[in-house]
Structure formats: structure tokens, C-alpha cells
């Protein structure tokens, strides 16, 4: 029985070492990813702006940053991690910072005004638009909210949601997903390491128990002397 327990403990301990090795490899890969993301962020050199009180500001006001944060957390329902927004480290290199920068771009796009110049009067859907310049407010509209056949909305959609805007939003989205994936990888590395440590302790415990003090334990085999039948001769027959 003790031999079997020892062997089983050894198997469990070896499995634990395997999990520990997997956790170490995962952690190494995650650190490589963090290093790459940091280098990418430094190359982009995008920073958030804070005031002297450590509050986020946009174009010099906290009200602007609050409006952007409302777009991010209320309309997009993104779970911002407050610790990611560090006034002592303004470089955009975390998921929350990437998302805030994305929201900043989108907010200003949707609050923008553009001028469309018509060379001649145009009638559309029963409404006549005179020749000349027209100021068109984006009015919080996304790319799909515009009527592209409209003589004013069609051109404004291209002006507001330009290829540059789409490219920046996509690039920031990649940064967000990358940082989130690295956090998930770090959690998986910790899980592997925890399981490995637990298995090593359990396997070692099983071996320790199997090799412990065996006094008072019934032996696996019956001594040969117990198997010899002894018949005592009655005293009257002597």
C-alpha cells in the first residue's frame, strides 16, 4: 500500500512540476508582450493630459474630459480601471488609456462642424438646398447614422469620419485588445503556477505519509510462522 501511495505521489508531483513549467513559459511570453506593447506605445508617443491636481483634462478643462469619460463609461459601457489612469505616467500604454484616447477622438469627431459648398441648388426628398456654403453639425452621429445620398450629410460623413479617424480608432482598439489579452495571459500564468504548486505539495505530502513511521501498521504479508499450524498434545496422552 505504501509503495502504491509513493508512486501515486510521485506522479502527482511530476504533474505539478509540469504545471509550474507551463506557468513559467506563459509568464515569460506575457512579459515579452508587455515589452513589445511598451515599445509600441513609446514609438507612438501619445500622452493623456492632467492638471496640477491629477485630474484628466481635455483642451484645458476637466469638463471636456468628463464628457469624454461619460461617452466611454455610459454610452460604450467600458469598465475603466482607475489605476490605469496615472498622472505620473501619462503615456498611453494601458487598455483604459487606449480606450480614453479612442473616446477622445470619437467625441471631437461627433461634436465637429463642417462646411459643405454646393455649386448649384439641389433638391432632395422634397427639400431644396441652395447653392453656396452650408455649415453642418455632426450632432453626435456615427458613420452609419448619415444618409450618404443626402447632398449635405453625404459629404459631411466623409469629412467627419475620414480614413485617418477610422485608422486611429482601429489602431487604438488593437492596443486595448493587446493589453487586455496580456492581462488574461498573466492570470493564466498565475493559475498554472498555483495548480503546479498545489500538485507538488499534494504529491510530496503523499510520499511523506507513505514513508512515515509504520510502527503499528498491519504488514502487507503474513509472517510465515503464522501460517504453521501447531497442535499441542493433550497432557493425558503424555
C-alpha atoms as a PDB file:
ATOM      1  CA  UNK A   1       0.000   0.000   0.000  1.00  0.00           C
ATOM      2  CA  UNK A   2       2.790   2.408   0.922  1.00  0.00           C
ATOM      3  CA  UNK A   3       4.587   1.657  -2.337  1.00  0.00           C
ATOM      4  CA  UNK A   4       1.476   2.468  -4.324  1.00  0.00           C
ATOM      5  CA  UNK A   5       0.962   5.695  -2.413  1.00  0.00           C
ATOM      6  CA  UNK A   6       4.578   6.662  -3.015  1.00  0.00           C
ATOM      7  CA  UNK A   7       4.260   6.062  -6.750  1.00  0.00           C
ATOM      8  CA  UNK A   8       0.989   7.988  -6.958  1.00  0.00           C
ATOM      9  CA  UNK A   9       2.514  10.872  -5.024  1.00  0.00           C
ATOM     10  CA  UNK A  10       5.455  10.941  -7.424  1.00  0.00           C
ATOM     11  CA  UNK A  11       3.082  11.106 -10.417  1.00  0.00           C
ATOM     12  CA  UNK A  12       1.113  13.963  -8.859  1.00  0.00           C
ATOM     13  CA  UNK A  13       4.311  15.854  -8.020  1.00  0.00           C
ATOM     14  CA  UNK A  14       5.646  15.452 -11.570  1.00  0.00           C
ATOM     15  CA  UNK A  15       2.345  16.754 -12.937  1.00  0.00           C
ATOM     16  CA  UNK A  16       2.729  19.736 -10.625  1.00  0.00           C
ATOM     17  CA  UNK A  17       6.201  20.421 -11.976  1.00  0.00           C
ATOM     18  CA  UNK A  18       4.703  20.360 -15.464  1.00  0.00           C
ATOM     19  CA  UNK A  19       2.141  22.987 -14.491  1.00  0.00           C
ATOM     20  CA  UNK A  20       4.868  25.113 -12.904  1.00  0.00           C
ATOM     21  CA  UNK A  21       6.900  24.916 -16.104  1.00  0.00           C
ATOM     22  CA  UNK A  22       3.842  25.899 -18.164  1.00  0.00           C
ATOM     23  CA  UNK A  23       3.224  28.845 -15.839  1.00  0.00           C
ATOM     24  CA  UNK A  24       6.832  29.962 -16.225  1.00  0.00           C
ATOM     25  CA  UNK A  25       6.645  29.803 -20.022  1.00  0.00           C
ATOM     26  CA  UNK A  26       3.329  31.692 -20.068  1.00  0.00           C
ATOM     27  CA  UNK A  27       4.736  34.368 -17.761  1.00  0.00           C
ATOM     28  CA  UNK A  28       7.814  34.755 -19.975  1.00  0.00           C
ATOM     29  CA  UNK A  29       5.659  35.216 -23.089  1.00  0.00           C
ATOM     30  CA  UNK A  30       3.431  37.732 -21.316  1.00  0.00           C
ATOM     31  CA  UNK A  31       6.466  39.781 -20.275  1.00  0.00           C
ATOM     32  CA  UNK A  32       7.678  39.759 -23.876  1.00  0.00           C
ATOM     33  CA  UNK A  33       4.267  41.035 -24.930  1.00  0.00           C
ATOM     34  CA  UNK A  34       4.317  43.802 -22.329  1.00  0.00           C
ATOM     35  CA  UNK A  35       7.757  44.839 -23.517  1.00  0.00           C
ATOM     36  CA  UNK A  36       6.586  44.997 -27.124  1.00  0.00           C
ATOM     37  CA  UNK A  37       3.455  46.966 -26.212  1.00  0.00           C
ATOM     38  CA  UNK A  38       5.555  49.424 -24.193  1.00  0.00           C
ATOM     39  CA  UNK A  39       7.929  49.943 -27.114  1.00  0.00           C
ATOM     40  CA  UNK A  40       4.973  50.428 -29.475  1.00  0.00           C
ATOM     41  CA  UNK A  41       3.407  52.966 -27.096  1.00  0.00           C
ATOM     42  CA  UNK A  42       6.674  54.869 -26.727  1.00  0.00           C
ATOM     43  CA  UNK A  43       7.072  54.983 -30.507  1.00  0.00           C
ATOM     44  CA  UNK A  44       3.594  56.465 -30.867  1.00  0.00           C
ATOM     45  CA  UNK A  45       4.341  58.920 -28.049  1.00  0.00           C
ATOM     46  CA  UNK A  46       0.685  59.655 -27.241  1.00  0.00           C
ATOM     47  CA  UNK A  47       0.066  61.125 -23.791  1.00  0.00           C
ATOM     48  CA  UNK A  48      -3.015  61.983 -21.751  1.00  0.00           C
ATOM     49  CA  UNK A  49      -3.201  65.396 -20.098  1.00  0.00           C
ATOM     50  CA  UNK A  50      -3.725  66.036 -16.392  1.00  0.00           C
ATOM     51  CA  UNK A  51      -3.966  69.243 -14.355  1.00  0.00           C
ATOM     52  CA  UNK A  52      -1.922  70.040 -11.256  1.00  0.00           C
ATOM     53  CA  UNK A  53      -4.485  68.185  -9.118  1.00  0.00           C
ATOM     54  CA  UNK A  54      -4.020  64.960 -11.081  1.00  0.00           C
ATOM     55  CA  UNK A  55      -7.378  65.276 -12.874  1.00  0.00           C
ATOM     56  CA  UNK A  56      -7.814  64.361 -16.515  1.00  0.00           C
ATOM     57  CA  UNK A  57      -8.353  67.359 -18.776  1.00  0.00           C
ATOM     58  CA  UNK A  58      -9.175  67.796 -22.438  1.00  0.00           C
ATOM     59  CA  UNK A  59      -8.282  71.029 -24.218  1.00  0.00           C
ATOM     60  CA  UNK A  60      -7.530  72.594 -20.862  1.00  0.00           C
ATOM     61  CA  UNK A  61     -10.735  71.731 -18.981  1.00  0.00           C
ATOM     62  CA  UNK A  62     -11.910  68.922 -16.753  1.00  0.00           C
ATOM     63  CA  UNK A  63     -15.408  69.355 -18.198  1.00  0.00           C
ATOM     64  CA  UNK A  64     -14.174  68.174 -21.574  1.00  0.00           C
ATOM     65  CA  UNK A  65     -12.509  65.117 -20.027  1.00  0.00           C
ATOM     66  CA  UNK A  66     -15.672  64.383 -18.024  1.00  0.00           C
ATOM     67  CA  UNK A  67     -17.764  64.431 -21.215  1.00  0.00           C
ATOM     68  CA  UNK A  68     -15.336  62.027 -22.866  1.00  0.00           C
ATOM     69  CA  UNK A  69     -15.343  59.754 -19.834  1.00  0.00           C
ATOM     70  CA  UNK A  70     -19.161  59.773 -19.885  1.00  0.00           C
ATOM     71  CA  UNK A  71     -19.101  58.663 -23.523  1.00  0.00           C
ATOM     72  CA  UNK A  72     -16.665  55.898 -22.636  1.00  0.00           C
ATOM     73  CA  UNK A  73     -18.321  54.577 -19.493  1.00  0.00           C
ATOM     74  CA  UNK A  74     -22.006  55.319 -20.087  1.00  0.00           C
ATOM     75  CA  UNK A  75     -22.599  55.026 -23.827  1.00  0.00           C
ATOM     76  CA  UNK A  76     -19.918  52.453 -24.559  1.00  0.00           C
ATOM     77  CA  UNK A  77     -20.166  50.887 -21.071  1.00  0.00           C
ATOM     78  CA  UNK A  78     -16.429  50.280 -20.895  1.00  0.00           C
ATOM     79  CA  UNK A  79     -15.158  49.240 -17.413  1.00  0.00           C
ATOM     80  CA  UNK A  80     -12.409  51.812 -16.874  1.00  0.00           C
ATOM     81  CA  UNK A  81      -9.671  50.774 -14.437  1.00  0.00           C
ATOM     82  CA  UNK A  82      -8.904  53.921 -12.453  1.00  0.00           C
ATOM     83  CA  UNK A  83      -5.407  52.743 -11.540  1.00  0.00           C
ATOM     84  CA  UNK A  84      -4.530  52.685 -15.266  1.00  0.00           C
ATOM     85  CA  UNK A  85      -5.032  56.464 -15.406  1.00  0.00           C
ATOM     86  CA  UNK A  86      -1.861  57.595 -13.673  1.00  0.00           C
ATOM     87  CA  UNK A  87      -0.965  61.317 -13.759  1.00  0.00           C
ATOM     88  CA  UNK A  88       2.651  60.314 -13.042  1.00  0.00           C
ATOM     89  CA  UNK A  89       2.720  58.128 -16.157  1.00  0.00           C
ATOM     90  CA  UNK A  90       0.856  59.949 -18.914  1.00  0.00           C
ATOM     91  CA  UNK A  91       1.976  57.659 -21.748  1.00  0.00           C
ATOM     92  CA  UNK A  92      -0.963  55.835 -23.332  1.00  0.00           C
ATOM     93  CA  UNK A  93       0.013  52.191 -22.771  1.00  0.00           C
ATOM     94  CA  UNK A  94      -2.867  50.513 -20.889  1.00  0.00           C
ATOM     95  CA  UNK A  95      -6.295  49.339 -22.010  1.00  0.00           C
ATOM     96  CA  UNK A  96      -8.165  52.124 -20.184  1.00  0.00           C
ATOM     97  CA  UNK A  97      -5.808  54.776 -21.549  1.00  0.00           C
ATOM     98  CA  UNK A  98      -6.148  53.469 -25.088  1.00  0.00           C
ATOM     99  CA  UNK A  99      -9.929  53.481 -24.757  1.00  0.00           C
ATOM    100  CA  UNK A 100      -9.978  57.004 -23.312  1.00  0.00           C
ATOM    101  CA  UNK A 101      -7.855  58.238 -26.201  1.00  0.00           C
ATOM    102  CA  UNK A 102     -10.202  56.500 -28.632  1.00  0.00           C
ATOM    103  CA  UNK A 103     -13.194  58.118 -26.936  1.00  0.00           C
ATOM    104  CA  UNK A 104     -11.443  61.500 -27.173  1.00  0.00           C
ATOM    105  CA  UNK A 105     -11.113  61.205 -30.939  1.00  0.00           C
ATOM    106  CA  UNK A 106     -14.675  59.972 -31.400  1.00  0.00           C
ATOM    107  CA  UNK A 107     -16.095  62.661 -29.094  1.00  0.00           C
ATOM    108  CA  UNK A 108     -14.492  65.503 -31.034  1.00  0.00           C
ATOM    109  CA  UNK A 109     -15.496  63.980 -34.352  1.00  0.00           C
ATOM    110  CA  UNK A 110     -19.133  63.818 -33.245  1.00  0.00           C
ATOM    111  CA  UNK A 111     -19.040  67.374 -31.883  1.00  0.00           C
ATOM    112  CA  UNK A 112     -17.497  68.828 -35.021  1.00  0.00           C
ATOM    113  CA  UNK A 113     -18.926  71.156 -37.668  1.00  0.00           C
ATOM    114  CA  UNK A 114     -18.047  71.013 -41.363  1.00  0.00           C
ATOM    115  CA  UNK A 115     -18.685  73.253 -44.355  1.00  0.00           C
ATOM    116  CA  UNK A 116     -20.231  71.810 -47.478  1.00  0.00           C
ATOM    117  CA  UNK A 117     -20.255  74.011 -50.586  1.00  0.00           C
ATOM    118  CA  UNK A 118     -22.916  73.271 -53.218  1.00  0.00           C
ATOM    119  CA  UNK A 119     -22.135  74.509 -56.720  1.00  0.00           C
ATOM    120  CA  UNK A 120     -25.831  74.692 -57.521  1.00  0.00           C
ATOM    121  CA  UNK A 121     -29.161  74.261 -55.800  1.00  0.00           C
ATOM    122  CA  UNK A 122     -30.065  70.673 -55.062  1.00  0.00           C
ATOM    123  CA  UNK A 123     -33.452  69.175 -54.277  1.00  0.00           C
ATOM    124  CA  UNK A 124     -33.578  66.086 -52.118  1.00  0.00           C
ATOM    125  CA  UNK A 125     -36.586  64.371 -50.617  1.00  0.00           C
ATOM    126  CA  UNK A 126     -38.788  67.392 -51.219  1.00  0.00           C
ATOM    127  CA  UNK A 127     -36.310  69.888 -49.718  1.00  0.00           C
ATOM    128  CA  UNK A 128     -34.261  72.370 -51.725  1.00  0.00           C
ATOM    129  CA  UNK A 129     -30.703  73.186 -50.690  1.00  0.00           C
ATOM    130  CA  UNK A 130     -29.420  76.455 -52.117  1.00  0.00           C
ATOM    131  CA  UNK A 131     -26.077  76.812 -53.835  1.00  0.00           C
ATOM    132  CA  UNK A 132     -23.243  78.033 -51.648  1.00  0.00           C
ATOM    133  CA  UNK A 133     -21.701  77.082 -48.293  1.00  0.00           C
ATOM    134  CA  UNK A 134     -23.650  75.171 -45.637  1.00  0.00           C
ATOM    135  CA  UNK A 135     -22.450  74.615 -42.062  1.00  0.00           C
ATOM    136  CA  UNK A 136     -23.355  71.095 -40.972  1.00  0.00           C
ATOM    137  CA  UNK A 137     -23.092  69.935 -37.375  1.00  0.00           C
ATOM    138  CA  UNK A 138     -22.193  66.246 -36.933  1.00  0.00           C
ATOM    139  CA  UNK A 139     -24.519  66.196 -33.928  1.00  0.00           C
ATOM    140  CA  UNK A 140     -23.225  63.044 -32.253  1.00  0.00           C
ATOM    141  CA  UNK A 141     -23.697  60.859 -35.322  1.00  0.00           C
ATOM    142  CA  UNK A 142     -21.586  57.824 -36.101  1.00  0.00           C
ATOM    143  CA  UNK A 143     -20.583  56.728 -39.599  1.00  0.00           C
ATOM    144  CA  UNK A 144     -23.748  54.689 -40.120  1.00  0.00           C
ATOM    145  CA  UNK A 145     -26.068  57.467 -38.908  1.00  0.00           C
ATOM    146  CA  UNK A 146     -25.644  59.599 -42.036  1.00  0.00           C
ATOM    147  CA  UNK A 147     -27.700  59.458 -45.217  1.00  0.00           C
ATOM    148  CA  UNK A 148     -24.937  59.174 -47.784  1.00  0.00           C
ATOM    149  CA  UNK A 149     -27.311  60.181 -50.626  1.00  0.00           C
ATOM    150  CA  UNK A 150     -28.139  63.429 -48.874  1.00  0.00           C
ATOM    151  CA  UNK A 151     -26.448  66.469 -50.557  1.00  0.00           C
ATOM    152  CA  UNK A 152     -25.094  67.684 -47.187  1.00  0.00           C
ATOM    153  CA  UNK A 153     -24.895  64.583 -44.981  1.00  0.00           C
ATOM    154  CA  UNK A 154     -23.074  62.510 -47.610  1.00  0.00           C
ATOM    155  CA  UNK A 155     -20.074  64.847 -47.889  1.00  0.00           C
ATOM    156  CA  UNK A 156     -20.017  65.553 -44.142  1.00  0.00           C
ATOM    157  CA  UNK A 157     -19.836  61.861 -43.369  1.00  0.00           C
ATOM    158  CA  UNK A 158     -16.627  61.639 -45.391  1.00  0.00           C
ATOM    159  CA  UNK A 159     -15.245  64.795 -43.783  1.00  0.00           C
ATOM    160  CA  UNK A 160     -16.002  63.808 -40.185  1.00  0.00           C
ATOM    161  CA  UNK A 161     -15.330  60.088 -40.339  1.00  0.00           C
ATOM    162  CA  UNK A 162     -12.259  60.222 -42.525  1.00  0.00           C
ATOM    163  CA  UNK A 163      -9.885  57.382 -43.210  1.00  0.00           C
ATOM    164  CA  UNK A 164      -7.483  58.904 -40.681  1.00  0.00           C
ATOM    165  CA  UNK A 165     -10.115  58.777 -37.939  1.00  0.00           C
ATOM    166  CA  UNK A 166     -11.002  55.175 -38.742  1.00  0.00           C
ATOM    167  CA  UNK A 167      -7.318  54.262 -38.796  1.00  0.00           C
ATOM    168  CA  UNK A 168      -6.621  55.877 -35.420  1.00  0.00           C
ATOM    169  CA  UNK A 169      -9.662  54.246 -33.833  1.00  0.00           C
ATOM    170  CA  UNK A 170      -8.615  50.858 -35.205  1.00  0.00           C
ATOM    171  CA  UNK A 171      -5.035  51.314 -34.004  1.00  0.00           C
ATOM    172  CA  UNK A 172      -6.152  52.283 -30.510  1.00  0.00           C
ATOM    173  CA  UNK A 173      -8.517  49.313 -30.472  1.00  0.00           C
ATOM    174  CA  UNK A 174      -5.587  46.998 -31.198  1.00  0.00           C
ATOM    175  CA  UNK A 175      -3.735  48.490 -28.234  1.00  0.00           C
ATOM    176  CA  UNK A 176      -6.734  47.931 -25.978  1.00  0.00           C
ATOM    177  CA  UNK A 177      -7.185  44.309 -27.038  1.00  0.00           C
ATOM    178  CA  UNK A 178      -3.462  43.628 -26.758  1.00  0.00           C
ATOM    179  CA  UNK A 179      -3.244  44.932 -23.197  1.00  0.00           C
ATOM    180  CA  UNK A 180      -6.387  43.037 -22.181  1.00  0.00           C
ATOM    181  CA  UNK A 181      -5.036  39.821 -23.717  1.00  0.00           C
ATOM    182  CA  UNK A 182      -1.759  40.275 -21.838  1.00  0.00           C
ATOM    183  CA  UNK A 183      -3.654  40.672 -18.573  1.00  0.00           C
ATOM    184  CA  UNK A 184      -5.561  37.473 -19.333  1.00  0.00           C
ATOM    185  CA  UNK A 185      -2.269  35.733 -20.120  1.00  0.00           C
ATOM    186  CA  UNK A 186      -0.826  36.882 -16.810  1.00  0.00           C
ATOM    187  CA  UNK A 187      -3.854  35.474 -14.989  1.00  0.00           C
ATOM    188  CA  UNK A 188      -3.435  32.152 -16.812  1.00  0.00           C
ATOM    189  CA  UNK A 189       0.266  32.042 -15.876  1.00  0.00           C
ATOM    190  CA  UNK A 190      -0.660  32.592 -12.232  1.00  0.00           C
ATOM    191  CA  UNK A 191      -3.315  29.861 -12.463  1.00  0.00           C
ATOM    192  CA  UNK A 192      -0.838  27.352 -13.921  1.00  0.00           C
ATOM    193  CA  UNK A 193       1.725  28.213 -11.269  1.00  0.00           C
ATOM    194  CA  UNK A 194      -0.857  27.884  -8.492  1.00  0.00           C
ATOM    195  CA  UNK A 195      -2.032  24.494  -9.730  1.00  0.00           C
ATOM    196  CA  UNK A 196       1.536  23.316 -10.111  1.00  0.00           C
ATOM    197  CA  UNK A 197       2.457  24.341  -6.583  1.00  0.00           C
ATOM    198  CA  UNK A 198      -0.663  22.670  -5.190  1.00  0.00           C
ATOM    199  CA  UNK A 199       0.066  19.404  -7.028  1.00  0.00           C
ATOM    200  CA  UNK A 200       3.700  19.414  -5.905  1.00  0.00           C
ATOM    201  CA  UNK A 201       2.630  19.893  -2.283  1.00  0.00           C
ATOM    202  CA  UNK A 202      -0.035  17.175  -2.527  1.00  0.00           C
ATOM    203  CA  UNK A 203       2.352  14.742  -4.217  1.00  0.00           C
ATOM    204  CA  UNK A 204       5.092  15.465  -1.708  1.00  0.00           C
ATOM    205  CA  UNK A 205       2.619  15.019   1.131  1.00  0.00           C
ATOM    206  CA  UNK A 206       1.538  11.646  -0.190  1.00  0.00           C
ATOM    207  CA  UNK A 207       5.162  10.483  -0.388  1.00  0.00           C
ATOM    208  CA  UNK A 208       5.857  11.808   3.112  1.00  0.00           C
ATOM    209  CA  UNK A 209       2.868   9.930   4.524  1.00  0.00           C
ATOM    210  CA  UNK A 210       3.857   6.721   2.713  1.00  0.00           C
ATOM    211  CA  UNK A 211       7.376   6.873   4.086  1.00  0.00           C
ATOM    212  CA  UNK A 212       6.382   7.898   7.605  1.00  0.00           C
ATOM    213  CA  UNK A 213       6.501   5.853  10.822  1.00  0.00           C
ATOM    214  CA  UNK A 214       4.993   2.459  10.027  1.00  0.00           C
ATOM    215  CA  UNK A 215       5.000   1.071  13.558  1.00  0.00           C
ATOM    216  CA  UNK A 216       1.698  -0.472  14.477  1.00  0.00           C
ATOM    217  CA  UNK A 217       0.714  -0.871  10.841  1.00  0.00           C
ATOM    218  CA  UNK A 218      -0.506  -4.279   9.752  1.00  0.00           C
ATOM    219  CA  UNK A 219       2.108  -5.747   7.376  1.00  0.00           C
ATOM    220  CA  UNK A 220       1.258  -6.336   3.743  1.00  0.00           C
ATOM    221  CA  UNK A 221       2.249 -10.036   4.107  1.00  0.00           C
ATOM    222  CA  UNK A 222       1.534 -12.504   6.902  1.00  0.00           C
ATOM    223  CA  UNK A 223       4.688 -13.842   8.599  1.00  0.00           C
ATOM    224  CA  UNK A 224       5.412 -17.432   7.684  1.00  0.00           C
ATOM    225  CA  UNK A 225       5.347 -18.505  11.354  1.00  0.00           C
ATOM    226  CA  UNK A 226       1.682 -17.543  11.479  1.00  0.00           C
ATOM    227  CA  UNK A 227       0.931 -19.958   8.673  1.00  0.00           C
ATOM    228  CA  UNK A 228       2.404 -23.031  10.511  1.00  0.00           C
ATOM    229  CA  UNK A 229      -0.299 -24.943  12.302  1.00  0.00           C
ATOM    230  CA  UNK A 230       0.830 -26.159  15.777  1.00  0.00           C
ATOM    231  CA  UNK A 231      -1.188 -28.788  17.565  1.00  0.00           C
ATOM    232  CA  UNK A 232      -0.419 -29.178  21.236  1.00  0.00           C
ATOM    233  CA  UNK A 233      -0.614 -32.781  22.556  1.00  0.00           C
ATOM    234  CA  UNK A 234      -3.070 -33.204  25.421  1.00  0.00           C
ATOM    235  CA  UNK A 235      -1.486 -33.698  28.814  1.00  0.00           C
ATOM    236  CA  UNK A 236      -3.372 -37.032  29.431  1.00  0.00           C
ATOM    237  CA  UNK A 237      -1.760 -38.550  26.336  1.00  0.00           C
ATOM    238  CA  UNK A 238       1.776 -37.910  27.541  1.00  0.00           C
END
